[in-house]
Amino acid sequence: MNDSIITIAMPKGRIFGDACNLLRRAGFELPAAFETARRLIIDLDDEPFRFILAKPVDVPTYVEYGAADIGIAGKDVLLESGRDVYEMVDLGISRCHMAVAGLPNHSSKRPYLQIATKYPKIASEFYRKRGEQIDLIALNGSIELAPIVGLADAIVDIVSTGQTLRENGLVEYAKLMDISSRLIVNPVSYRLKKEAIDRIVSRMIASAEGSTIGMD
């Protein structure tokens, strides 16, 4: 780890724009074209920061293994990955929730419910607490398709506005939890760069407290 540079892992995709807006609100000088850059590593001219642009599911891994000092990750990703990182701040951005959904009035004829999800750990824990046995089907995209074609009785997935569910004729059965993005820190980095990281955390807290970014 470079002692003078703070490396920040940023999630590409849904959270990225909200995270950039929040960083600017916190007073960090991001380049005007930051959001459209094709590079995967971006160094700032006016701040001792290096940004790594990664898939959201990979951000906690970069932070846990010290490739990044700090990261921004959704609570869903943190719960599913179980990575050894410090969760410092609920940034309150990219708000959504985890839900069970499926076809209206669906009745399963299987001995156990078949649940399709990108979040097997979260789904398993939810049904375990309910005392229900399930068969898990791991999917990576277009989860809504699973109950429509009969692959699964229901899905466990992130819901933002619910528009995708409605457009595909699905309804929510149950809400598991609220989800928002968190600022995470590598434990070793925090010991070695505590003063610099605390300054960043303080600015992010102040920025997040007055922010409504990502609210539905």
C-alpha atoms as a PDB file:
ATOM      1  CA  MET A   1       0.000   0.000   0.000  1.00  0.00           C
ATOM      2  CA  ASN A   2       1.203   3.502  -0.876  1.00  0.00           C
ATOM      3  CA  ASP A   3       1.226   5.533   2.339  1.00  0.00           C
ATOM      4  CA  SER A   4       0.566   8.842   0.575  1.00  0.00           C
ATOM      5  CA  ILE A   5      -2.247   7.847  -1.792  1.00  0.00           C
ATOM      6  CA  ILE A   6      -5.732   6.721  -0.806  1.00  0.00           C
ATOM      7  CA  THR A   7      -7.094   4.196  -3.283  1.00  0.00           C
ATOM      8  CA  ILE A   8     -10.886   4.137  -3.589  1.00  0.00           C
ATOM      9  CA  ALA A   9     -12.770   1.279  -5.261  1.00  0.00           C
ATOM     10  CA  MET A  10     -15.855   2.587  -7.048  1.00  0.00           C
ATOM     11  CA  PRO A  11     -18.729   0.398  -8.272  1.00  0.00           C
ATOM     12  CA  LYS A  12     -19.558   0.721 -11.949  1.00  0.00           C
ATOM     13  CA  GLY A  13     -23.215   0.748 -12.927  1.00  0.00           C
ATOM     14  CA  ARG A  14     -26.259   1.741 -10.882  1.00  0.00           C
ATOM     15  CA  ILE A  15     -24.437   3.174  -7.847  1.00  0.00           C
ATOM     16  CA  PHE A  16     -21.653   4.975  -9.729  1.00  0.00           C
ATOM     17  CA  GLY A  17     -23.462   8.211 -10.606  1.00  0.00           C
ATOM     18  CA  ASP A  18     -24.869   8.620  -7.093  1.00  0.00           C
ATOM     19  CA  ALA A  19     -21.435   7.966  -5.582  1.00  0.00           C
ATOM     20  CA  CYS A  20     -19.788  10.565  -7.853  1.00  0.00           C
ATOM     21  CA  ASN A  21     -22.408  13.169  -6.907  1.00  0.00           C
ATOM     22  CA  LEU A  22     -21.883  12.457  -3.238  1.00  0.00           C
ATOM     23  CA  LEU A  23     -18.094  12.761  -3.535  1.00  0.00           C
ATOM     24  CA  ARG A  24     -18.508  16.133  -5.249  1.00  0.00           C
ATOM     25  CA  ARG A  25     -20.912  17.263  -2.525  1.00  0.00           C
ATOM     26  CA  ALA A  26     -18.200  16.303  -0.038  1.00  0.00           C
ATOM     27  CA  GLY A  27     -15.837  18.714  -1.790  1.00  0.00           C
ATOM     28  CA  PHE A  28     -13.697  16.300  -3.794  1.00  0.00           C
ATOM     29  CA  GLU A  29     -12.607  17.628  -7.178  1.00  0.00           C
ATOM     30  CA  LEU A  30     -13.530  14.901  -9.624  1.00  0.00           C
ATOM     31  CA  PRO A  31     -12.793  15.508 -13.321  1.00  0.00           C
ATOM     32  CA  ALA A  32     -15.760  16.646 -15.404  1.00  0.00           C
ATOM     33  CA  ALA A  33     -15.509  13.515 -17.552  1.00  0.00           C
ATOM     34  CA  PHE A  34     -15.032  11.161 -14.597  1.00  0.00           C
ATOM     35  CA  GLU A  35     -18.327   9.350 -15.198  1.00  0.00           C
ATOM     36  CA  THR A  36     -17.603   8.716 -18.887  1.00  0.00           C
ATOM     37  CA  ALA A  37     -13.952   7.684 -18.552  1.00  0.00           C
ATOM     38  CA  ARG A  38     -13.054   4.303 -20.057  1.00  0.00           C
ATOM     39  CA  ARG A  39     -10.005   3.828 -17.877  1.00  0.00           C
ATOM     40  CA  LEU A  40     -10.254   1.411 -14.967  1.00  0.00           C
ATOM     41  CA  ILE A  41      -7.734   3.313 -12.813  1.00  0.00           C
ATOM     42  CA  ILE A  42      -7.988   7.101 -12.503  1.00  0.00           C
ATOM     43  CA  ASP A  43      -5.553   9.324 -10.591  1.00  0.00           C
ATOM     44  CA  LEU A  44      -6.641  12.806  -9.525  1.00  0.00           C
ATOM     45  CA  ASP A  45      -4.442  15.834 -10.156  1.00  0.00           C
ATOM     46  CA  ASP A  46      -5.689  17.891  -7.201  1.00  0.00           C
ATOM     47  CA  GLU A  47      -6.239  15.169  -4.608  1.00  0.00           C
ATOM     48  CA  PRO A  48      -3.961  12.306  -3.402  1.00  0.00           C
ATOM     49  CA  PHE A  49      -6.542   9.782  -4.578  1.00  0.00           C
ATOM     50  CA  ARG A  50      -6.554   6.882  -6.994  1.00  0.00           C
ATOM     51  CA  PHE A  51      -9.849   5.411  -8.111  1.00  0.00           C
ATOM     52  CA  ILE A  52     -10.368   1.804  -9.162  1.00  0.00           C
ATOM     53  CA  LEU A  53     -13.516   1.228 -11.215  1.00  0.00           C
ATOM     54  CA  ALA A  54     -14.791  -2.292 -10.570  1.00  0.00           C
ATOM     55  CA  LYS A  55     -17.920  -4.407 -10.775  1.00  0.00           C
ATOM     56  CA  PRO A  56     -20.057  -3.780  -7.669  1.00  0.00           C
ATOM     57  CA  VAL A  57     -19.701  -7.402  -6.485  1.00  0.00           C
ATOM     58  CA  ASP A  58     -15.899  -7.083  -6.626  1.00  0.00           C
ATOM     59  CA  VAL A  59     -15.522  -3.869  -4.606  1.00  0.00           C
ATOM     60  CA  PRO A  60     -15.437  -5.577  -1.149  1.00  0.00           C
ATOM     61  CA  THR A  61     -12.821  -8.023  -2.466  1.00  0.00           C
ATOM     62  CA  TYR A  62     -10.510  -5.218  -3.614  1.00  0.00           C
ATOM     63  CA  VAL A  63     -10.917  -3.554  -0.230  1.00  0.00           C
ATOM     64  CA  GLU A  64     -10.476  -6.718   1.871  1.00  0.00           C
ATOM     65  CA  TYR A  65      -7.245  -7.666   0.108  1.00  0.00           C
ATOM     66  CA  GLY A  66      -5.805  -4.145   0.267  1.00  0.00           C
ATOM     67  CA  ALA A  67      -5.857  -3.326  -3.445  1.00  0.00           C
ATOM     68  CA  ALA A  68      -8.086  -0.447  -2.333  1.00  0.00           C
ATOM     69  CA  ASP A  69      -8.096   1.381   0.992  1.00  0.00           C
ATOM     70  CA  ILE A  70     -11.714   2.461   0.740  1.00  0.00           C
ATOM     71  CA  GLY A  71     -14.713   1.332  -1.276  1.00  0.00           C
ATOM     72  CA  ILE A  72     -18.361   2.093  -1.886  1.00  0.00           C
ATOM     73  CA  ALA A  73     -20.603  -0.970  -1.919  1.00  0.00           C
ATOM     74  CA  GLY A  74     -24.264  -1.816  -1.572  1.00  0.00           C
ATOM     75  CA  LYS A  75     -25.379  -3.473   1.660  1.00  0.00           C
ATOM     76  CA  ASP A  76     -26.654  -6.395  -0.425  1.00  0.00           C
ATOM     77  CA  VAL A  77     -23.157  -7.027  -1.780  1.00  0.00           C
ATOM     78  CA  LEU A  78     -21.628  -6.787   1.699  1.00  0.00           C
ATOM     79  CA  LEU A  79     -24.089  -9.239   3.209  1.00  0.00           C
ATOM     80  CA  GLU A  80     -23.687 -11.709   0.375  1.00  0.00           C
ATOM     81  CA  SER A  81     -19.886 -11.540   0.195  1.00  0.00           C
ATOM     82  CA  GLY A  82     -19.145 -11.535   3.937  1.00  0.00           C
ATOM     83  CA  ARG A  83     -15.807  -9.827   3.325  1.00  0.00           C
ATOM     84  CA  ASP A  84     -13.591  -8.707   6.223  1.00  0.00           C
ATOM     85  CA  VAL A  85     -13.931  -4.929   5.927  1.00  0.00           C
ATOM     86  CA  TYR A  86     -14.946  -2.073   8.213  1.00  0.00           C
ATOM     87  CA  GLU A  87     -18.377  -0.686   7.364  1.00  0.00           C
ATOM     88  CA  MET A  88     -17.931   2.981   8.261  1.00  0.00           C
ATOM     89  CA  VAL A  89     -20.882   4.969   6.939  1.00  0.00           C
ATOM     90  CA  ASP A  90     -24.349   4.412   5.535  1.00  0.00           C
ATOM     91  CA  LEU A  91     -24.126   6.848   2.624  1.00  0.00           C
ATOM     92  CA  GLY A  92     -27.868   6.732   2.027  1.00  0.00           C
ATOM     93  CA  ILE A  93     -27.504   6.578  -1.756  1.00  0.00           C
ATOM     94  CA  SER A  94     -28.968   4.179  -4.328  1.00  0.00           C
ATOM     95  CA  ARG A  95     -31.721   3.163  -1.948  1.00  0.00           C
ATOM     96  CA  CYS A  96     -33.701   0.050  -2.803  1.00  0.00           C
ATOM     97  CA  HIS A  97     -34.840  -3.100  -1.025  1.00  0.00           C
ATOM     98  CA  MET A  98     -34.490  -6.863  -1.207  1.00  0.00           C
ATOM     99  CA  ALA A  99     -37.724  -8.714  -1.872  1.00  0.00           C
ATOM    100  CA  VAL A 100     -39.289 -12.065  -2.664  1.00  0.00           C
ATOM    101  CA  ALA A 101     -41.397 -11.834  -5.809  1.00  0.00           C
ATOM    102  CA  GLY A 102     -43.248 -14.079  -8.218  1.00  0.00           C
ATOM    103  CA  LEU A 103     -46.440 -14.546 -10.199  1.00  0.00           C
ATOM    104  CA  PRO A 104     -49.715 -13.443  -8.577  1.00  0.00           C
ATOM    105  CA  ASN A 105     -51.603 -16.216  -6.763  1.00  0.00           C
ATOM    106  CA  HIS A 106     -48.894 -18.757  -7.587  1.00  0.00           C
ATOM    107  CA  SER A 107     -49.209 -22.125  -5.822  1.00  0.00           C
ATOM    108  CA  SER A 108     -46.257 -24.509  -5.941  1.00  0.00           C
ATOM    109  CA  LYS A 109     -46.725 -28.227  -6.450  1.00  0.00           C
ATOM    110  CA  ARG A 110     -43.096 -28.984  -5.604  1.00  0.00           C
ATOM    111  CA  PRO A 111     -42.083 -30.500  -2.242  1.00  0.00           C
ATOM    112  CA  TYR A 112     -39.804 -27.485  -1.659  1.00  0.00           C
ATOM    113  CA  LEU A 113     -40.020 -24.004  -3.098  1.00  0.00           C
ATOM    114  CA  GLN A 114     -37.551 -23.342  -5.893  1.00  0.00           C
ATOM    115  CA  ILE A 115     -36.064 -19.892  -5.443  1.00  0.00           C
ATOM    116  CA  ALA A 116     -33.998 -18.200  -8.156  1.00  0.00           C
ATOM    117  CA  THR A 117     -31.572 -15.513  -7.023  1.00  0.00           C
ATOM    118  CA  LYS A 118     -28.230 -13.768  -7.381  1.00  0.00           C
ATOM    119  CA  TYR A 119     -28.096 -13.730  -3.584  1.00  0.00           C
ATOM    120  CA  PRO A 120     -28.029 -17.354  -2.362  1.00  0.00           C
ATOM    121  CA  LYS A 121     -26.629 -16.500   1.077  1.00  0.00           C
ATOM    122  CA  ILE A 122     -29.256 -13.839   1.778  1.00  0.00           C
ATOM    123  CA  ALA A 123     -32.083 -15.978   0.385  1.00  0.00           C
ATOM    124  CA  SER A 124     -31.015 -19.045   2.377  1.00  0.00           C
ATOM    125  CA  GLU A 125     -30.832 -17.073   5.615  1.00  0.00           C
ATOM    126  CA  PHE A 126     -34.265 -15.527   5.039  1.00  0.00           C
ATOM    127  CA  TYR A 127     -35.992 -18.870   4.502  1.00  0.00           C
ATOM    128  CA  ARG A 128     -33.995 -20.557   7.282  1.00  0.00           C
ATOM    129  CA  LYS A 129     -35.370 -18.019   9.767  1.00  0.00           C
ATOM    130  CA  ARG A 130     -38.859 -18.797   8.490  1.00  0.00           C
ATOM    131  CA  GLY A 131     -38.257 -22.503   9.003  1.00  0.00           C
ATOM    132  CA  GLU A 132     -38.750 -23.311   5.317  1.00  0.00           C
ATOM    133  CA  GLN A 133     -36.628 -25.598   3.183  1.00  0.00           C
ATOM    134  CA  ILE A 134     -35.956 -24.410  -0.351  1.00  0.00           C
ATOM    135  CA  ASP A 135     -34.126 -25.422  -3.491  1.00  0.00           C
ATOM    136  CA  LEU A 136     -31.875 -22.569  -4.615  1.00  0.00           C
ATOM    137  CA  ILE A 137     -31.237 -21.818  -8.276  1.00  0.00           C
ATOM    138  CA  ALA A 138     -28.320 -19.452  -8.857  1.00  0.00           C
ATOM    139  CA  LEU A 139     -28.827 -17.027 -11.747  1.00  0.00           C
ATOM    140  CA  ASN A 140     -26.853 -13.956 -12.759  1.00  0.00           C
ATOM    141  CA  GLY A 141     -29.205 -11.947 -14.958  1.00  0.00           C
ATOM    142  CA  SER A 142     -32.868 -11.471 -15.909  1.00  0.00           C
ATOM    143  CA  ILE A 143     -33.958 -13.068 -12.638  1.00  0.00           C
ATOM    144  CA  GLU A 144     -37.567 -12.059 -13.368  1.00  0.00           C
ATOM    145  CA  LEU A 145     -37.663 -14.628 -16.166  1.00  0.00           C
ATOM    146  CA  ALA A 146     -37.397 -17.610 -13.781  1.00  0.00           C
ATOM    147  CA  PRO A 147     -40.985 -17.682 -12.419  1.00  0.00           C
ATOM    148  CA  ILE A 148     -42.441 -16.696 -15.798  1.00  0.00           C
ATOM    149  CA  VAL A 149     -41.036 -19.797 -17.540  1.00  0.00           C
ATOM    150  CA  GLY A 150     -41.642 -22.078 -14.559  1.00  0.00           C
ATOM    151  CA  LEU A 151     -38.000 -22.455 -13.562  1.00  0.00           C
ATOM    152  CA  ALA A 152     -38.691 -21.152 -10.052  1.00  0.00           C
ATOM    153  CA  ASP A 153     -41.623 -20.511  -7.738  1.00  0.00           C
ATOM    154  CA  ALA A 154     -40.223 -17.137  -6.730  1.00  0.00           C
ATOM    155  CA  ILE A 155     -37.162 -14.909  -6.908  1.00  0.00           C
ATOM    156  CA  VAL A 156     -35.154 -13.042  -4.309  1.00  0.00           C
ATOM    157  CA  ASP A 157     -33.763  -9.875  -5.823  1.00  0.00           C
ATOM    158  CA  ILE A 158     -33.199  -6.140  -5.507  1.00  0.00           C
ATOM    159  CA  VAL A 159     -36.235  -3.932  -6.158  1.00  0.00           C
ATOM    160  CA  SER A 160     -35.859  -0.217  -6.811  1.00  0.00           C
ATOM    161  CA  THR A 161     -39.055   1.241  -8.275  1.00  0.00           C
ATOM    162  CA  GLY A 162     -40.778  -2.081  -8.958  1.00  0.00           C
ATOM    163  CA  GLN A 163     -41.257  -1.183 -12.608  1.00  0.00           C
ATOM    164  CA  THR A 164     -39.462  -4.278 -13.922  1.00  0.00           C
ATOM    165  CA  LEU A 165     -41.632  -6.542 -11.774  1.00  0.00           C
ATOM    166  CA  ARG A 166     -44.822  -4.865 -12.973  1.00  0.00           C
ATOM    167  CA  GLU A 167     -43.818  -4.967 -16.626  1.00  0.00           C
ATOM    168  CA  ASN A 168     -43.276  -8.724 -16.337  1.00  0.00           C
ATOM    169  CA  GLY A 169     -46.469  -9.445 -14.434  1.00  0.00           C
ATOM    170  CA  LEU A 170     -44.777 -10.166 -11.098  1.00  0.00           C
ATOM    171  CA  VAL A 171     -45.684  -9.020  -7.607  1.00  0.00           C
ATOM    172  CA  GLU A 172     -43.806  -8.760  -4.321  1.00  0.00           C
ATOM    173  CA  TYR A 173     -44.514 -11.501  -1.783  1.00  0.00           C
ATOM    174  CA  ALA A 174     -42.328 -10.190   1.032  1.00  0.00           C
ATOM    175  CA  LYS A 175     -39.778  -7.493   1.788  1.00  0.00           C
ATOM    176  CA  LEU A 176     -36.516  -8.776   3.277  1.00  0.00           C
ATOM    177  CA  MET A 177     -34.614  -5.574   4.051  1.00  0.00           C
ATOM    178  CA  ASP A 178     -33.820  -2.029   2.972  1.00  0.00           C
ATOM    179  CA  ILE A 179     -30.605  -1.588   1.006  1.00  0.00           C
ATOM    180  CA  SER A 180     -28.331   1.423   0.582  1.00  0.00           C
ATOM    181  CA  SER A 181     -24.667   1.985  -0.234  1.00  0.00           C
ATOM    182  CA  ARG A 182     -21.969   1.952   2.441  1.00  0.00           C
ATOM    183  CA  LEU A 183     -18.453   3.343   2.755  1.00  0.00           C
ATOM    184  CA  ILE A 184     -16.116   0.460   3.610  1.00  0.00           C
ATOM    185  CA  VAL A 185     -12.471   0.464   4.675  1.00  0.00           C
ATOM    186  CA  ASN A 186      -9.655  -2.069   4.704  1.00  0.00           C
ATOM    187  CA  PRO A 187      -8.710  -2.770   8.377  1.00  0.00           C
ATOM    188  CA  VAL A 188      -4.944  -2.560   7.751  1.00  0.00           C
ATOM    189  CA  SER A 189      -5.312   0.644   5.735  1.00  0.00           C
ATOM    190  CA  TYR A 190      -7.313   2.150   8.568  1.00  0.00           C
ATOM    191  CA  ARG A 191      -4.488   1.510  11.030  1.00  0.00           C
ATOM    192  CA  LEU A 192      -1.804   2.849   8.683  1.00  0.00           C
ATOM    193  CA  LYS A 193      -3.732   5.772   7.200  1.00  0.00           C
ATOM    194  CA  LYS A 194      -6.225   6.503   9.944  1.00  0.00           C
ATOM    195  CA  GLU A 195      -5.906  10.288   9.918  1.00  0.00           C
ATOM    196  CA  ALA A 196      -6.360  10.607   6.153  1.00  0.00           C
ATOM    197  CA  ILE A 197      -9.213   8.088   6.063  1.00  0.00           C
ATOM    198  CA  ASP A 198     -10.989   9.736   9.006  1.00  0.00           C
ATOM    199  CA  ARG A 199     -10.930  13.050   7.131  1.00  0.00           C
ATOM    200  CA  ILE A 200     -12.555  11.419   4.125  1.00  0.00           C
ATOM    201  CA  VAL A 201     -15.124   9.646   6.303  1.00  0.00           C
ATOM    202  CA  SER A 202     -16.021  12.898   8.091  1.00  0.00           C
ATOM    203  CA  ARG A 203     -16.570  14.713   4.809  1.00  0.00           C
ATOM    204  CA  MET A 204     -18.653  11.855   3.444  1.00  0.00           C
ATOM    205  CA  ILE A 205     -20.793  11.776   6.596  1.00  0.00           C
ATOM    206  CA  ALA A 206     -21.438  15.515   6.339  1.00  0.00           C
ATOM    207  CA  SER A 207     -22.310  15.150   2.661  1.00  0.00           C
ATOM    208  CA  ALA A 208     -24.549  12.123   3.176  1.00  0.00           C
ATOM    209  CA  GLU A 209     -26.529  13.715   6.012  1.00  0.00           C
ATOM    210  CA  GLY A 210     -28.006  16.339   3.730  1.00  0.00           C
ATOM    211  CA  SER A 211     -28.291  14.183   0.639  1.00  0.00           C
ATOM    212  CA  THR A 212     -31.413  12.799  -1.015  1.00  0.00           C
ATOM    213  CA  ILE A 213     -29.484  11.227  -3.885  1.00  0.00           C
ATOM    214  CA  GLY A 214     -30.851   7.907  -5.002  1.00  0.00           C
ATOM    215  CA  MET A 215     -34.224   8.231  -3.270  1.00  0.00           C
ATOM    216  CA  ASP A 216     -37.123   6.661  -5.189  1.00  0.00           C
END
